[in-house]
Amino acid sequence: MYDVDIRVVKRREIDTIAPQIHDVLLHAFQSYAMDANLPFEAVGAITESVETIKEDIQKKICYIGTYNDRVIATARLEPIEEGRTGYLSRFGTHPDFVSTGIGSSFIRFFEGQMALYGCERILLHTASRASRTVQFYYKNGFHVIGTDRKYGYIRVKMEKEIAAMPIIGANVKKFQ
């Protein structure tokens, strides 16, 4: 097991972290595309530029997982449905660190963060044919609630309900 530090990307470090995030996403989503039998150009995370990543970090909460000062995992959370739901996107682990428990640690971390904000669930989309990815989400408590063909291939919409953490005598921050 790796001792991975999971944290939010700070605005002041965007210029140095974005290229590292780009590298993780490129490798992780190339593997994802091959698993789903999709052409690389059909997967937005592969074609995303460093500049687009920088812009997205300004709009969403971007998390990274580091090991020995190297970014090895990343994900973005965006509040939707008036902050009751966190939409998870661009979640990827560098292939050198897949099947080590890092992805599941990220999910548990997100659950804790979302519960602190009073969120009820986490939503995401993934290619229906990305069998390893779909199985990972099933293993971590997600279930399928729908499908779409928004990008020309079948994607499953998955959700995981979150048990809100009661905080006695404290104001719960709103996720936005």
C-alpha atoms as a PDB file:
ATOM      1  CA  MET A   1       0.000   0.000   0.000  1.00  0.00           C
ATOM      2  CA  TYR A   2       1.210   3.471  -0.867  1.00  0.00           C
ATOM      3  CA  ASP A   3       1.085   6.426   1.508  1.00  0.00           C
ATOM      4  CA  VAL A   4      -0.706   8.882  -0.786  1.00  0.00           C
ATOM      5  CA  ASP A   5      -1.466  12.475   0.161  1.00  0.00           C
ATOM      6  CA  ILE A   6      -4.890  13.515  -1.208  1.00  0.00           C
ATOM      7  CA  ARG A   7      -5.560  17.232  -1.269  1.00  0.00           C
ATOM      8  CA  VAL A   8      -7.191  20.121  -3.107  1.00  0.00           C
ATOM      9  CA  VAL A   9      -5.102  21.933  -5.713  1.00  0.00           C
ATOM     10  CA  LYS A  10      -4.345  25.448  -4.516  1.00  0.00           C
ATOM     11  CA  ARG A  11      -4.762  28.316  -6.980  1.00  0.00           C
ATOM     12  CA  ARG A  12      -1.153  29.446  -6.521  1.00  0.00           C
ATOM     13  CA  GLU A  13       0.184  26.087  -7.724  1.00  0.00           C
ATOM     14  CA  ILE A  14      -1.965  25.716 -10.857  1.00  0.00           C
ATOM     15  CA  ASP A  15       0.908  26.464 -13.253  1.00  0.00           C
ATOM     16  CA  THR A  16       3.126  23.733 -11.817  1.00  0.00           C
ATOM     17  CA  ILE A  17       0.429  21.127 -11.067  1.00  0.00           C
ATOM     18  CA  ALA A  18      -1.634  21.344 -14.305  1.00  0.00           C
ATOM     19  CA  PRO A  19       1.073  19.726 -16.505  1.00  0.00           C
ATOM     20  CA  GLN A  20       1.375  16.876 -13.980  1.00  0.00           C
ATOM     21  CA  ILE A  21      -2.409  16.414 -13.978  1.00  0.00           C
ATOM     22  CA  HIS A  22      -2.309  16.383 -17.782  1.00  0.00           C
ATOM     23  CA  ASP A  23       0.269  13.581 -17.724  1.00  0.00           C
ATOM     24  CA  VAL A  24      -1.800  11.464 -15.304  1.00  0.00           C
ATOM     25  CA  LEU A  25      -4.999  11.991 -17.314  1.00  0.00           C
ATOM     26  CA  LEU A  26      -3.293  11.180 -20.606  1.00  0.00           C
ATOM     27  CA  HIS A  27      -1.957   7.853 -19.334  1.00  0.00           C
ATOM     28  CA  ALA A  28      -5.032   6.917 -17.281  1.00  0.00           C
ATOM     29  CA  PHE A  29      -7.555   7.704 -20.005  1.00  0.00           C
ATOM     30  CA  GLN A  30      -5.557   6.044 -22.780  1.00  0.00           C
ATOM     31  CA  SER A  31      -5.844   2.875 -20.700  1.00  0.00           C
ATOM     32  CA  TYR A  32      -9.566   3.589 -20.189  1.00  0.00           C
ATOM     33  CA  ALA A  33     -10.115   4.098 -23.941  1.00  0.00           C
ATOM     34  CA  MET A  34      -8.393   0.815 -24.742  1.00  0.00           C
ATOM     35  CA  ASP A  35     -10.498  -1.008 -22.120  1.00  0.00           C
ATOM     36  CA  ALA A  36     -13.698   0.518 -23.577  1.00  0.00           C
ATOM     37  CA  ASN A  37     -12.545  -0.053 -27.179  1.00  0.00           C
ATOM     38  CA  LEU A  38     -12.897   3.670 -27.925  1.00  0.00           C
ATOM     39  CA  PRO A  39     -10.723   5.778 -30.225  1.00  0.00           C
ATOM     40  CA  PHE A  40      -8.506   8.151 -28.233  1.00  0.00           C
ATOM     41  CA  GLU A  41     -10.060  11.213 -29.897  1.00  0.00           C
ATOM     42  CA  ALA A  42     -13.484  10.203 -28.498  1.00  0.00           C
ATOM     43  CA  VAL A  43     -12.245  10.620 -24.914  1.00  0.00           C
ATOM     44  CA  GLY A  44     -12.159  14.269 -23.827  1.00  0.00           C
ATOM     45  CA  ALA A  45      -9.647  13.717 -21.031  1.00  0.00           C
ATOM     46  CA  ILE A  46      -7.060  12.540 -23.580  1.00  0.00           C
ATOM     47  CA  THR A  47      -7.452  15.546 -25.865  1.00  0.00           C
ATOM     48  CA  GLU A  48      -7.713  18.087 -23.022  1.00  0.00           C
ATOM     49  CA  SER A  49      -4.929  20.686 -23.022  1.00  0.00           C
ATOM     50  CA  VAL A  50      -2.953  21.955 -20.042  1.00  0.00           C
ATOM     51  CA  GLU A  51      -4.662  25.337 -20.532  1.00  0.00           C
ATOM     52  CA  THR A  52      -8.118  23.719 -20.358  1.00  0.00           C
ATOM     53  CA  ILE A  53      -7.080  21.941 -17.155  1.00  0.00           C
ATOM     54  CA  LYS A  54      -5.989  25.278 -15.659  1.00  0.00           C
ATOM     55  CA  GLU A  55      -9.370  26.818 -16.548  1.00  0.00           C
ATOM     56  CA  ASP A  56     -11.281  23.865 -15.088  1.00  0.00           C
ATOM     57  CA  ILE A  57      -9.319  24.081 -11.827  1.00  0.00           C
ATOM     58  CA  GLN A  58     -10.640  27.648 -11.493  1.00  0.00           C
ATOM     59  CA  LYS A  59     -14.265  26.427 -11.804  1.00  0.00           C
ATOM     60  CA  LYS A  60     -14.278  23.106  -9.957  1.00  0.00           C
ATOM     61  CA  ILE A  61     -12.665  21.568  -6.919  1.00  0.00           C
ATOM     62  CA  CYS A  62      -9.645  19.696  -8.231  1.00  0.00           C
ATOM     63  CA  TYR A  63      -8.026  16.990  -6.108  1.00  0.00           C
ATOM     64  CA  ILE A  64      -4.666  15.351  -6.547  1.00  0.00           C
ATOM     65  CA  GLY A  65      -3.051  12.339  -4.970  1.00  0.00           C
ATOM     66  CA  THR A  66       0.711  12.550  -4.603  1.00  0.00           C
ATOM     67  CA  TYR A  67       3.313   9.944  -3.786  1.00  0.00           C
ATOM     68  CA  ASN A  68       6.951  10.983  -3.300  1.00  0.00           C
ATOM     69  CA  ASP A  69       6.032  14.473  -4.585  1.00  0.00           C
ATOM     70  CA  ARG A  70       4.670  13.016  -7.846  1.00  0.00           C
ATOM     71  CA  VAL A  71       1.035  13.507  -8.900  1.00  0.00           C
ATOM     72  CA  ILE A  72      -0.303   9.981  -9.446  1.00  0.00           C
ATOM     73  CA  ALA A  73      -4.061  10.520  -9.287  1.00  0.00           C
ATOM     74  CA  THR A  74      -6.521  13.321  -9.890  1.00  0.00           C
ATOM     75  CA  ALA A  75     -10.241  14.090  -9.943  1.00  0.00           C
ATOM     76  CA  ARG A  76     -12.596  17.039 -10.120  1.00  0.00           C
ATOM     77  CA  LEU A  77     -15.769  17.587  -8.137  1.00  0.00           C
ATOM     78  CA  GLU A  78     -18.434  20.049  -9.099  1.00  0.00           C
ATOM     79  CA  PRO A  79     -21.495  20.946  -7.047  1.00  0.00           C
ATOM     80  CA  ILE A  80     -24.787  20.414  -8.873  1.00  0.00           C
ATOM     81  CA  GLU A  81     -28.447  20.284  -7.866  1.00  0.00           C
ATOM     82  CA  GLU A  82     -28.093  23.253  -5.506  1.00  0.00           C
ATOM     83  CA  GLY A  83     -25.076  21.694  -3.795  1.00  0.00           C
ATOM     84  CA  ARG A  84     -26.856  18.480  -2.810  1.00  0.00           C
ATOM     85  CA  THR A  85     -24.811  16.441  -5.290  1.00  0.00           C
ATOM     86  CA  GLY A  86     -21.146  16.296  -6.202  1.00  0.00           C
ATOM     87  CA  TYR A  87     -20.469  15.490  -9.867  1.00  0.00           C
ATOM     88  CA  LEU A  88     -17.202  13.560 -10.200  1.00  0.00           C
ATOM     89  CA  SER A  89     -15.207  13.976 -13.416  1.00  0.00           C
ATOM     90  CA  ARG A  90     -11.704  13.428 -14.786  1.00  0.00           C
ATOM     91  CA  PHE A  91     -11.021  10.811 -12.116  1.00  0.00           C
ATOM     92  CA  GLY A  92      -7.881   8.959 -13.059  1.00  0.00           C
ATOM     93  CA  THR A  93      -4.951   7.122 -11.522  1.00  0.00           C
ATOM     94  CA  HIS A  94      -1.669   6.723 -13.359  1.00  0.00           C
ATOM     95  CA  PRO A  95      -1.538   3.131 -14.712  1.00  0.00           C
ATOM     96  CA  ASP A  96       1.598   2.422 -12.634  1.00  0.00           C
ATOM     97  CA  PHE A  97      -0.581   2.775  -9.513  1.00  0.00           C
ATOM     98  CA  VAL A  98      -3.826   1.051 -10.586  1.00  0.00           C
ATOM     99  CA  SER A  99      -5.082  -1.782  -8.327  1.00  0.00           C
ATOM    100  CA  THR A 100      -3.165  -0.462  -5.318  1.00  0.00           C
ATOM    101  CA  GLY A 101      -6.179   0.894  -3.392  1.00  0.00           C
ATOM    102  CA  ILE A 102      -5.493   4.532  -4.298  1.00  0.00           C
ATOM    103  CA  GLY A 103      -8.720   4.924  -6.299  1.00  0.00           C
ATOM    104  CA  SER A 104     -10.822   3.478  -3.465  1.00  0.00           C
ATOM    105  CA  SER A 105      -9.040   5.806  -1.018  1.00  0.00           C
ATOM    106  CA  PHE A 106     -10.039   8.732  -3.242  1.00  0.00           C
ATOM    107  CA  ILE A 107     -13.697   7.610  -3.196  1.00  0.00           C
ATOM    108  CA  ARG A 108     -13.698   7.366   0.620  1.00  0.00           C
ATOM    109  CA  PHE A 109     -12.046  10.787   0.805  1.00  0.00           C
ATOM    110  CA  PHE A 110     -14.691  12.303  -1.507  1.00  0.00           C
ATOM    111  CA  GLU A 111     -17.473  10.745   0.552  1.00  0.00           C
ATOM    112  CA  GLY A 112     -16.100  12.334   3.706  1.00  0.00           C
ATOM    113  CA  GLN A 113     -15.701  15.722   2.037  1.00  0.00           C
ATOM    114  CA  MET A 114     -19.199  15.599   0.541  1.00  0.00           C
ATOM    115  CA  ALA A 115     -20.765  14.478   3.831  1.00  0.00           C
ATOM    116  CA  LEU A 116     -19.221  17.487   5.584  1.00  0.00           C
ATOM    117  CA  TYR A 117     -21.043  19.705   3.092  1.00  0.00           C
ATOM    118  CA  GLY A 118     -24.328  17.870   3.611  1.00  0.00           C
ATOM    119  CA  CYS A 119     -24.330  16.360   0.119  1.00  0.00           C
ATOM    120  CA  GLU A 120     -26.619  13.430  -0.543  1.00  0.00           C
ATOM    121  CA  ARG A 121     -24.806  11.716  -3.415  1.00  0.00           C
ATOM    122  CA  ILE A 122     -21.955  11.571  -5.883  1.00  0.00           C
ATOM    123  CA  LEU A 123     -22.755  11.248  -9.606  1.00  0.00           C
ATOM    124  CA  LEU A 124     -20.499  10.362 -12.529  1.00  0.00           C
ATOM    125  CA  HIS A 125     -20.553   9.050 -16.093  1.00  0.00           C
ATOM    126  CA  THR A 126     -18.303   6.371 -17.562  1.00  0.00           C
ATOM    127  CA  ALA A 127     -18.200   4.332 -20.761  1.00  0.00           C
ATOM    128  CA  SER A 128     -20.425   1.270 -20.411  1.00  0.00           C
ATOM    129  CA  ARG A 129     -17.776  -0.872 -22.133  1.00  0.00           C
ATOM    130  CA  ALA A 130     -14.978   0.199 -19.764  1.00  0.00           C
ATOM    131  CA  SER A 131     -15.449  -2.991 -17.773  1.00  0.00           C
ATOM    132  CA  ARG A 132     -12.607  -2.462 -15.297  1.00  0.00           C
ATOM    133  CA  THR A 133     -13.803   1.062 -14.544  1.00  0.00           C
ATOM    134  CA  VAL A 134     -17.456   0.049 -14.143  1.00  0.00           C
ATOM    135  CA  GLN A 135     -16.432  -2.824 -11.850  1.00  0.00           C
ATOM    136  CA  PHE A 136     -14.288  -0.428  -9.786  1.00  0.00           C
ATOM    137  CA  TYR A 137     -17.290   1.826  -9.214  1.00  0.00           C
ATOM    138  CA  TYR A 138     -19.563  -1.124  -8.343  1.00  0.00           C
ATOM    139  CA  LYS A 139     -16.957  -2.315  -5.845  1.00  0.00           C
ATOM    140  CA  ASN A 140     -16.981   1.157  -4.279  1.00  0.00           C
ATOM    141  CA  GLY A 141     -20.755   1.315  -3.805  1.00  0.00           C
ATOM    142  CA  PHE A 142     -21.959   3.038  -6.987  1.00  0.00           C
ATOM    143  CA  HIS A 143     -24.895   1.769  -9.023  1.00  0.00           C
ATOM    144  CA  VAL A 144     -26.206   2.519 -12.508  1.00  0.00           C
ATOM    145  CA  ILE A 145     -29.138   4.922 -12.724  1.00  0.00           C
ATOM    146  CA  GLY A 146     -29.211   5.594 -16.472  1.00  0.00           C
ATOM    147  CA  THR A 147     -27.431   5.736 -19.818  1.00  0.00           C
ATOM    148  CA  ASP A 148     -26.828   8.224 -22.604  1.00  0.00           C
ATOM    149  CA  ARG A 149     -25.006   8.551 -25.942  1.00  0.00           C
ATOM    150  CA  LYS A 150     -23.910  12.167 -25.537  1.00  0.00           C
ATOM    151  CA  TYR A 151     -20.420  11.554 -26.964  1.00  0.00           C
ATOM    152  CA  GLY A 152     -21.302   8.910 -29.551  1.00  0.00           C
ATOM    153  CA  TYR A 153     -20.886   5.879 -27.304  1.00  0.00           C
ATOM    154  CA  ILE A 154     -22.974   4.448 -24.475  1.00  0.00           C
ATOM    155  CA  ARG A 155     -22.137   5.964 -21.109  1.00  0.00           C
ATOM    156  CA  VAL A 156     -23.590   4.799 -17.822  1.00  0.00           C
ATOM    157  CA  LYS A 157     -24.658   7.336 -15.250  1.00  0.00           C
ATOM    158  CA  MET A 158     -23.726   6.054 -11.801  1.00  0.00           C
ATOM    159  CA  GLU A 159     -24.472   7.313  -8.317  1.00  0.00           C
ATOM    160  CA  LYS A 160     -23.432   6.655  -4.774  1.00  0.00           C
ATOM    161  CA  GLU A 161     -25.567   7.832  -1.909  1.00  0.00           C
ATOM    162  CA  ILE A 162     -23.775   9.501   0.966  1.00  0.00           C
ATOM    163  CA  ALA A 163     -24.809   9.361   4.586  1.00  0.00           C
ATOM    164  CA  ALA A 164     -24.689  12.934   5.861  1.00  0.00           C
ATOM    165  CA  MET A 165     -22.547  13.481   8.922  1.00  0.00           C
ATOM    166  CA  PRO A 166     -24.497  15.144  11.723  1.00  0.00           C
ATOM    167  CA  ILE A 167     -22.502  18.000  13.183  1.00  0.00           C
ATOM    168  CA  ILE A 168     -24.020  19.018  16.493  1.00  0.00           C
ATOM    169  CA  GLY A 169     -23.887  22.714  17.243  1.00  0.00           C
ATOM    170  CA  ALA A 170     -22.077  23.644  14.026  1.00  0.00           C
ATOM    171  CA  ASN A 171     -23.134  25.203  10.776  1.00  0.00           C
ATOM    172  CA  VAL A 172     -22.624  22.893   7.824  1.00  0.00           C
ATOM    173  CA  LYS A 173     -20.905  24.597   4.896  1.00  0.00           C
ATOM    174  CA  LYS A 174     -22.812  24.536   1.637  1.00  0.00           C
ATOM    175  CA  PHE A 175     -21.055  22.790  -1.241  1.00  0.00           C
ATOM    176  CA  GLN A 176     -20.744  25.347  -4.059  1.00  0.00           C
END
